[in-house]
Amino acid sequence: MRYNPFFMILNVEIKATCPDTDFVRKWLLANRAEFRGTDHQTDTYFNVINGRLKLREGNIENALIQYEREEKADLKTSCINLLPVVEGNKLKLILERSLGVIVVVEKKREIYFIDNVKFHIDEIRGLGNFVEIEAIDNDGSRGYEAIRQQCDGYMKQLGISKEDLISISYSDMLSKKNIIS
């Protein structure tokens, strides 16, 4: 996936299972990551024709997020449009009524940053613990190769192996779990 100027943000990311959140937390703090806080987030995913659309409601991050992402158990590239929202309740009601809801993901997320790289330690209700690394290019100035190398480098430093990687989103994991249950 190449950078598309229509999208505001280019992102290279990984999502992995995380049996030892204490190790990740200690590593981040030892490497001078800036802790932005613990967010209790509800992500509501809506039916759309292209990509994904979710409304994130949290005590730190609140936004309507439309994105396209490769689904694979490796470094993933995402192109993201993000619209900060102040009052999500009215917007959520409009989106629910007009598009319909696919799934709701509830999580406790610790948010850290090292420069342009965002780290999440996630506890997902019904799924368990995960770590995410997102190398972000907000304006096209860093380029795909640079942020890919950042993400890959941090993955190695945290000891995340290919076997730990998750190929699908939390929303897909919960949707599959609900179908099986």
C-alpha atoms as a PDB file:
ATOM      1  CA  MET A   1       0.000   0.000   0.000  1.00  0.00           C
ATOM      2  CA  ARG A   2       1.477   3.323  -1.025  1.00  0.00           C
ATOM      3  CA  TYR A   3       1.004   6.689   0.669  1.00  0.00           C
ATOM      4  CA  ASN A   4      -2.082   8.382  -0.694  1.00  0.00           C
ATOM      5  CA  PRO A   5      -2.262  12.161  -0.092  1.00  0.00           C
ATOM      6  CA  PHE A   6      -6.038  11.810   0.314  1.00  0.00           C
ATOM      7  CA  PHE A   7      -5.303  10.110   3.622  1.00  0.00           C
ATOM      8  CA  MET A   8      -3.906  12.225   6.406  1.00  0.00           C
ATOM      9  CA  ILE A   9      -1.657   9.664   8.098  1.00  0.00           C
ATOM     10  CA  LEU A  10       0.595   6.828   6.926  1.00  0.00           C
ATOM     11  CA  ASN A  11       1.176   4.186   9.552  1.00  0.00           C
ATOM     12  CA  VAL A  12       3.277   1.010   9.753  1.00  0.00           C
ATOM     13  CA  GLU A  13       2.193  -1.164  12.644  1.00  0.00           C
ATOM     14  CA  ILE A  14       2.204  -4.520  14.324  1.00  0.00           C
ATOM     15  CA  LYS A  15      -0.163  -6.109  16.809  1.00  0.00           C
ATOM     16  CA  ALA A  16       1.078  -9.032  18.907  1.00  0.00           C
ATOM     17  CA  THR A  17       0.017 -11.175  21.808  1.00  0.00           C
ATOM     18  CA  CYS A  18       1.643  -9.999  25.026  1.00  0.00           C
ATOM     19  CA  PRO A  19       1.952 -12.503  27.855  1.00  0.00           C
ATOM     20  CA  ASP A  20       4.315 -10.180  29.800  1.00  0.00           C
ATOM     21  CA  THR A  21       2.939  -6.629  29.870  1.00  0.00           C
ATOM     22  CA  ASP A  22       5.269  -5.765  32.783  1.00  0.00           C
ATOM     23  CA  PHE A  23       8.326  -6.431  30.592  1.00  0.00           C
ATOM     24  CA  VAL A  24       7.006  -4.155  27.824  1.00  0.00           C
ATOM     25  CA  ARG A  25       6.085  -1.410  30.302  1.00  0.00           C
ATOM     26  CA  LYS A  26       9.514  -1.542  31.991  1.00  0.00           C
ATOM     27  CA  TRP A  27      11.301  -1.553  28.611  1.00  0.00           C
ATOM     28  CA  LEU A  28       9.344   1.504  27.453  1.00  0.00           C
ATOM     29  CA  LEU A  29      10.077   3.446  30.629  1.00  0.00           C
ATOM     30  CA  ALA A  30      13.766   2.422  30.593  1.00  0.00           C
ATOM     31  CA  ASN A  31      13.962   3.739  27.020  1.00  0.00           C
ATOM     32  CA  ARG A  32      12.442   7.100  27.972  1.00  0.00           C
ATOM     33  CA  ALA A  33       9.070   6.584  26.364  1.00  0.00           C
ATOM     34  CA  GLU A  34       6.612   9.328  27.196  1.00  0.00           C
ATOM     35  CA  PHE A  35       3.622   7.840  29.026  1.00  0.00           C
ATOM     36  CA  ARG A  36       0.465   9.639  27.868  1.00  0.00           C
ATOM     37  CA  GLY A  37      -1.896   7.778  30.197  1.00  0.00           C
ATOM     38  CA  THR A  38      -4.285   4.876  30.419  1.00  0.00           C
ATOM     39  CA  ASP A  39      -7.314   5.226  28.194  1.00  0.00           C
ATOM     40  CA  HIS A  40     -10.528   3.270  28.633  1.00  0.00           C
ATOM     41  CA  GLN A  41     -11.705   3.071  25.036  1.00  0.00           C
ATOM     42  CA  THR A  42     -14.826   1.901  23.298  1.00  0.00           C
ATOM     43  CA  ASP A  43     -14.379   1.438  19.546  1.00  0.00           C
ATOM     44  CA  THR A  44     -17.658   1.055  17.644  1.00  0.00           C
ATOM     45  CA  TYR A  45     -17.172  -0.338  14.123  1.00  0.00           C
ATOM     46  CA  PHE A  46     -19.730   0.520  11.448  1.00  0.00           C
ATOM     47  CA  ASN A  47     -20.749  -1.165   8.196  1.00  0.00           C
ATOM     48  CA  VAL A  48     -18.951   0.506   5.281  1.00  0.00           C
ATOM     49  CA  ILE A  49     -18.195  -0.374   1.671  1.00  0.00           C
ATOM     50  CA  ASN A  50     -14.450   0.400   1.720  1.00  0.00           C
ATOM     51  CA  GLY A  51     -11.933   0.030   4.534  1.00  0.00           C
ATOM     52  CA  ARG A  52     -13.092   0.409   8.112  1.00  0.00           C
ATOM     53  CA  LEU A  53     -14.881   3.117  10.046  1.00  0.00           C
ATOM     54  CA  LYS A  54     -14.876   3.307  13.823  1.00  0.00           C
ATOM     55  CA  LEU A  55     -15.825   5.804  16.465  1.00  0.00           C
ATOM     56  CA  ARG A  56     -13.331   5.789  19.327  1.00  0.00           C
ATOM     57  CA  GLU A  57     -14.649   7.036  22.647  1.00  0.00           C
ATOM     58  CA  GLY A  58     -12.164   7.320  25.486  1.00  0.00           C
ATOM     59  CA  ASN A  59     -10.991   9.509  28.304  1.00  0.00           C
ATOM     60  CA  ILE A  60      -7.853  10.452  26.273  1.00  0.00           C
ATOM     61  CA  GLU A  61      -8.573   9.736  22.598  1.00  0.00           C
ATOM     62  CA  ASN A  62     -11.883  10.555  20.899  1.00  0.00           C
ATOM     63  CA  ALA A  63     -12.114  10.411  17.124  1.00  0.00           C
ATOM     64  CA  LEU A  64     -13.929   9.164  14.080  1.00  0.00           C
ATOM     65  CA  ILE A  65     -11.355   7.011  12.283  1.00  0.00           C
ATOM     66  CA  GLN A  66     -11.588   5.763   8.707  1.00  0.00           C
ATOM     67  CA  TYR A  67      -8.757   3.555   7.516  1.00  0.00           C
ATOM     68  CA  GLU A  68      -7.540   0.987   5.064  1.00  0.00           C
ATOM     69  CA  ARG A  69      -5.050  -1.622   6.246  1.00  0.00           C
ATOM     70  CA  GLU A  70      -3.456  -4.784   5.007  1.00  0.00           C
ATOM     71  CA  GLU A  71      -4.464  -7.766   7.125  1.00  0.00           C
ATOM     72  CA  LYS A  72      -1.437 -10.002   7.585  1.00  0.00           C
ATOM     73  CA  ALA A  73       0.690 -11.385  10.417  1.00  0.00           C
ATOM     74  CA  ASP A  74       3.596  -9.043   9.677  1.00  0.00           C
ATOM     75  CA  LEU A  75       4.258  -5.317   9.469  1.00  0.00           C
ATOM     76  CA  LYS A  76       1.013  -3.746   8.253  1.00  0.00           C
ATOM     77  CA  THR A  77       0.600  -0.491   6.368  1.00  0.00           C
ATOM     78  CA  SER A  78      -2.417   1.691   7.115  1.00  0.00           C
ATOM     79  CA  CYS A  79      -3.709   4.872   5.524  1.00  0.00           C
ATOM     80  CA  ILE A  80      -5.827   6.764   8.024  1.00  0.00           C
ATOM     81  CA  ASN A  81      -8.264   9.670   8.084  1.00  0.00           C
ATOM     82  CA  LEU A  82      -8.847  10.873  11.616  1.00  0.00           C
ATOM     83  CA  LEU A  83     -11.419  13.420  12.737  1.00  0.00           C
ATOM     84  CA  PRO A  84     -11.231  14.406  16.422  1.00  0.00           C
ATOM     85  CA  VAL A  85     -14.679  14.531  18.006  1.00  0.00           C
ATOM     86  CA  VAL A  86     -15.797  16.351  21.119  1.00  0.00           C
ATOM     87  CA  GLU A  87     -19.244  14.827  21.548  1.00  0.00           C
ATOM     88  CA  GLY A  88     -19.397  11.299  20.228  1.00  0.00           C
ATOM     89  CA  ASN A  89     -22.894  10.388  21.472  1.00  0.00           C
ATOM     90  CA  LYS A  90     -24.848  12.251  18.795  1.00  0.00           C
ATOM     91  CA  LEU A  91     -22.439  11.192  16.039  1.00  0.00           C
ATOM     92  CA  LYS A  92     -22.583   7.594  17.268  1.00  0.00           C
ATOM     93  CA  LEU A  93     -26.371   7.599  17.135  1.00  0.00           C
ATOM     94  CA  ILE A  94     -26.367   8.968  13.574  1.00  0.00           C
ATOM     95  CA  LEU A  95     -23.797   6.394  12.420  1.00  0.00           C
ATOM     96  CA  GLU A  96     -25.589   3.516  14.181  1.00  0.00           C
ATOM     97  CA  ARG A  97     -28.907   4.412  12.562  1.00  0.00           C
ATOM     98  CA  SER A  98     -27.529   5.029   9.084  1.00  0.00           C
ATOM     99  CA  LEU A  99     -24.774   2.389   8.768  1.00  0.00           C
ATOM    100  CA  GLY A 100     -25.372  -0.236  11.441  1.00  0.00           C
ATOM    101  CA  VAL A 101     -22.843  -1.583  13.941  1.00  0.00           C
ATOM    102  CA  ILE A 102     -20.589  -4.549  13.191  1.00  0.00           C
ATOM    103  CA  VAL A 103     -18.925  -4.940  16.584  1.00  0.00           C
ATOM    104  CA  VAL A 104     -17.905  -2.974  19.681  1.00  0.00           C
ATOM    105  CA  VAL A 105     -14.399  -3.370  21.111  1.00  0.00           C
ATOM    106  CA  GLU A 106     -13.821  -2.369  24.734  1.00  0.00           C
ATOM    107  CA  LYS A 107     -10.272  -1.993  25.946  1.00  0.00           C
ATOM    108  CA  LYS A 108      -7.962  -0.584  28.547  1.00  0.00           C
ATOM    109  CA  ARG A 109      -5.024   0.948  26.664  1.00  0.00           C
ATOM    110  CA  GLU A 110      -1.763   2.308  28.020  1.00  0.00           C
ATOM    111  CA  ILE A 111      -0.349   4.856  25.552  1.00  0.00           C
ATOM    112  CA  TYR A 112       3.374   5.609  25.180  1.00  0.00           C
ATOM    113  CA  PHE A 113       5.410   7.555  22.605  1.00  0.00           C
ATOM    114  CA  ILE A 114       9.030   7.558  21.530  1.00  0.00           C
ATOM    115  CA  ASP A 115       9.294  10.365  18.982  1.00  0.00           C
ATOM    116  CA  ASN A 116       6.776   9.511  16.207  1.00  0.00           C
ATOM    117  CA  VAL A 117       6.285   5.915  17.337  1.00  0.00           C
ATOM    118  CA  LYS A 118       3.239   5.076  19.422  1.00  0.00           C
ATOM    119  CA  PHE A 119       3.132   2.015  21.672  1.00  0.00           C
ATOM    120  CA  HIS A 120      -0.003   0.491  23.156  1.00  0.00           C
ATOM    121  CA  ILE A 121      -0.320  -2.071  25.896  1.00  0.00           C
ATOM    122  CA  ASP A 122      -3.890  -3.280  25.440  1.00  0.00           C
ATOM    123  CA  GLU A 123      -6.180  -5.334  27.620  1.00  0.00           C
ATOM    124  CA  ILE A 124      -9.141  -6.336  25.440  1.00  0.00           C
ATOM    125  CA  ARG A 125     -12.305  -7.551  27.091  1.00  0.00           C
ATOM    126  CA  GLY A 126     -12.881 -11.102  25.938  1.00  0.00           C
ATOM    127  CA  LEU A 127      -9.497 -11.499  24.189  1.00  0.00           C
ATOM    128  CA  GLY A 128      -6.564 -10.862  26.542  1.00  0.00           C
ATOM    129  CA  ASN A 129      -3.398  -8.747  26.452  1.00  0.00           C
ATOM    130  CA  PHE A 130      -1.640  -7.340  23.398  1.00  0.00           C
ATOM    131  CA  VAL A 131       1.065  -4.884  22.410  1.00  0.00           C
ATOM    132  CA  GLU A 132       0.920  -2.613  19.372  1.00  0.00           C
ATOM    133  CA  ILE A 133       3.685  -0.584  17.767  1.00  0.00           C
ATOM    134  CA  GLU A 134       2.681   2.170  15.326  1.00  0.00           C
ATOM    135  CA  ALA A 135       5.333   4.146  13.447  1.00  0.00           C
ATOM    136  CA  ILE A 136       3.494   7.235  12.218  1.00  0.00           C
ATOM    137  CA  ASP A 137       4.100   9.637   9.327  1.00  0.00           C
ATOM    138  CA  ASN A 138       1.567  12.442   9.814  1.00  0.00           C
ATOM    139  CA  ASP A 139       2.482  14.492   6.767  1.00  0.00           C
ATOM    140  CA  GLY A 140       4.483  12.356   4.318  1.00  0.00           C
ATOM    141  CA  SER A 141       7.847  13.798   5.455  1.00  0.00           C
ATOM    142  CA  ARG A 142       9.287  10.598   6.959  1.00  0.00           C
ATOM    143  CA  GLY A 143       8.399   8.161   4.211  1.00  0.00           C
ATOM    144  CA  TYR A 144       7.312   4.560   4.223  1.00  0.00           C
ATOM    145  CA  GLU A 145      10.772   2.964   4.389  1.00  0.00           C
ATOM    146  CA  ALA A 146      11.833   4.996   7.445  1.00  0.00           C
ATOM    147  CA  ILE A 147       8.718   4.204   9.476  1.00  0.00           C
ATOM    148  CA  ARG A 148       8.839   0.552   8.408  1.00  0.00           C
ATOM    149  CA  GLN A 149      12.397   0.343   9.757  1.00  0.00           C
ATOM    150  CA  GLN A 150      11.345   2.015  13.016  1.00  0.00           C
ATOM    151  CA  CYS A 151       8.524  -0.455  13.573  1.00  0.00           C
ATOM    152  CA  ASP A 152      10.714  -3.429  12.688  1.00  0.00           C
ATOM    153  CA  GLY A 153      13.520  -2.186  14.969  1.00  0.00           C
ATOM    154  CA  TYR A 154      11.266  -1.742  18.000  1.00  0.00           C
ATOM    155  CA  MET A 155       9.686  -5.122  17.363  1.00  0.00           C
ATOM    156  CA  LYS A 156      13.147  -6.707  17.600  1.00  0.00           C
ATOM    157  CA  GLN A 157      14.101  -4.695  20.693  1.00  0.00           C
ATOM    158  CA  LEU A 158      10.943  -5.862  22.474  1.00  0.00           C
ATOM    159  CA  GLY A 159      11.621  -9.470  21.485  1.00  0.00           C
ATOM    160  CA  ILE A 160       8.413  -9.790  19.469  1.00  0.00           C
ATOM    161  CA  SER A 161       8.656 -12.730  17.091  1.00  0.00           C
ATOM    162  CA  LYS A 162       6.672 -13.424  13.919  1.00  0.00           C
ATOM    163  CA  GLU A 163       4.796 -16.137  15.845  1.00  0.00           C
ATOM    164  CA  ASP A 164       3.492 -13.495  18.296  1.00  0.00           C
ATOM    165  CA  LEU A 165       1.978 -11.346  15.544  1.00  0.00           C
ATOM    166  CA  ILE A 166      -1.776 -11.095  15.023  1.00  0.00           C
ATOM    167  CA  SER A 167      -2.976 -10.904  11.429  1.00  0.00           C
ATOM    168  CA  ILE A 168      -6.449  -9.458  12.081  1.00  0.00           C
ATOM    169  CA  SER A 169      -7.953  -6.602  14.084  1.00  0.00           C
ATOM    170  CA  TYR A 170      -9.485  -6.837  17.536  1.00  0.00           C
ATOM    171  CA  SER A 171     -12.861  -6.262  15.883  1.00  0.00           C
ATOM    172  CA  ASP A 172     -12.351  -9.286  13.605  1.00  0.00           C
ATOM    173  CA  MET A 173     -11.166 -11.399  16.535  1.00  0.00           C
ATOM    174  CA  LEU A 174     -14.281 -10.521  18.540  1.00  0.00           C
ATOM    175  CA  SER A 175     -16.566 -11.030  15.542  1.00  0.00           C
ATOM    176  CA  LYS A 176     -15.115 -14.534  14.955  1.00  0.00           C
ATOM    177  CA  LYS A 177     -15.388 -15.341  18.655  1.00  0.00           C
ATOM    178  CA  ASN A 178     -19.073 -14.321  18.662  1.00  0.00           C
ATOM    179  CA  ILE A 179     -19.790 -16.451  15.568  1.00  0.00           C
ATOM    180  CA  ILE A 180     -18.112 -19.480  17.138  1.00  0.00           C
ATOM    181  CA  SER A 181     -19.730 -18.998  20.550  1.00  0.00           C
END
